[in-house]
Amino acid sequence: MNVEKIEQHIQMMATRFVPEHMREGLAMYVVEGVMPGGFLRAVLEGDLFGALGRADEINMRLLHTYAIYLANDVPAAIYGSPGAVQRWVDHNLELISEDQA
């Protein structure tokens, strides 16, 4: 696990106003390819209605902050569709498997 990179993304999210309780899960996805929970997964997949249906009160009001963070700070290849998200997760699972072999 790349703790330093995760910490850098958490700090970057603070400047983009991503809610504190969401930063670790989002950073773990971006850096390590760990599949996040339902709301973040919907955001990453570009599923607006799914995200709105899973958002808590804070995230409901700040949904645009995720779009700003993703557009400015995250490689486009790892978000935007269910396929892109799954490929990123699968890629990282393969890396873990190779490291363990």
Foldseek 3Di string as FASTA:
>chain_A
DPVVQLVVQLVVLVVLVDDNVCSNQVSCCQPQVDDHDQLVLCLQAVNVVSNCVPDDPVCNVVVVSSVVCCVPPGPPQCGHRNVSSVVSNVVNVVVVVVVVD
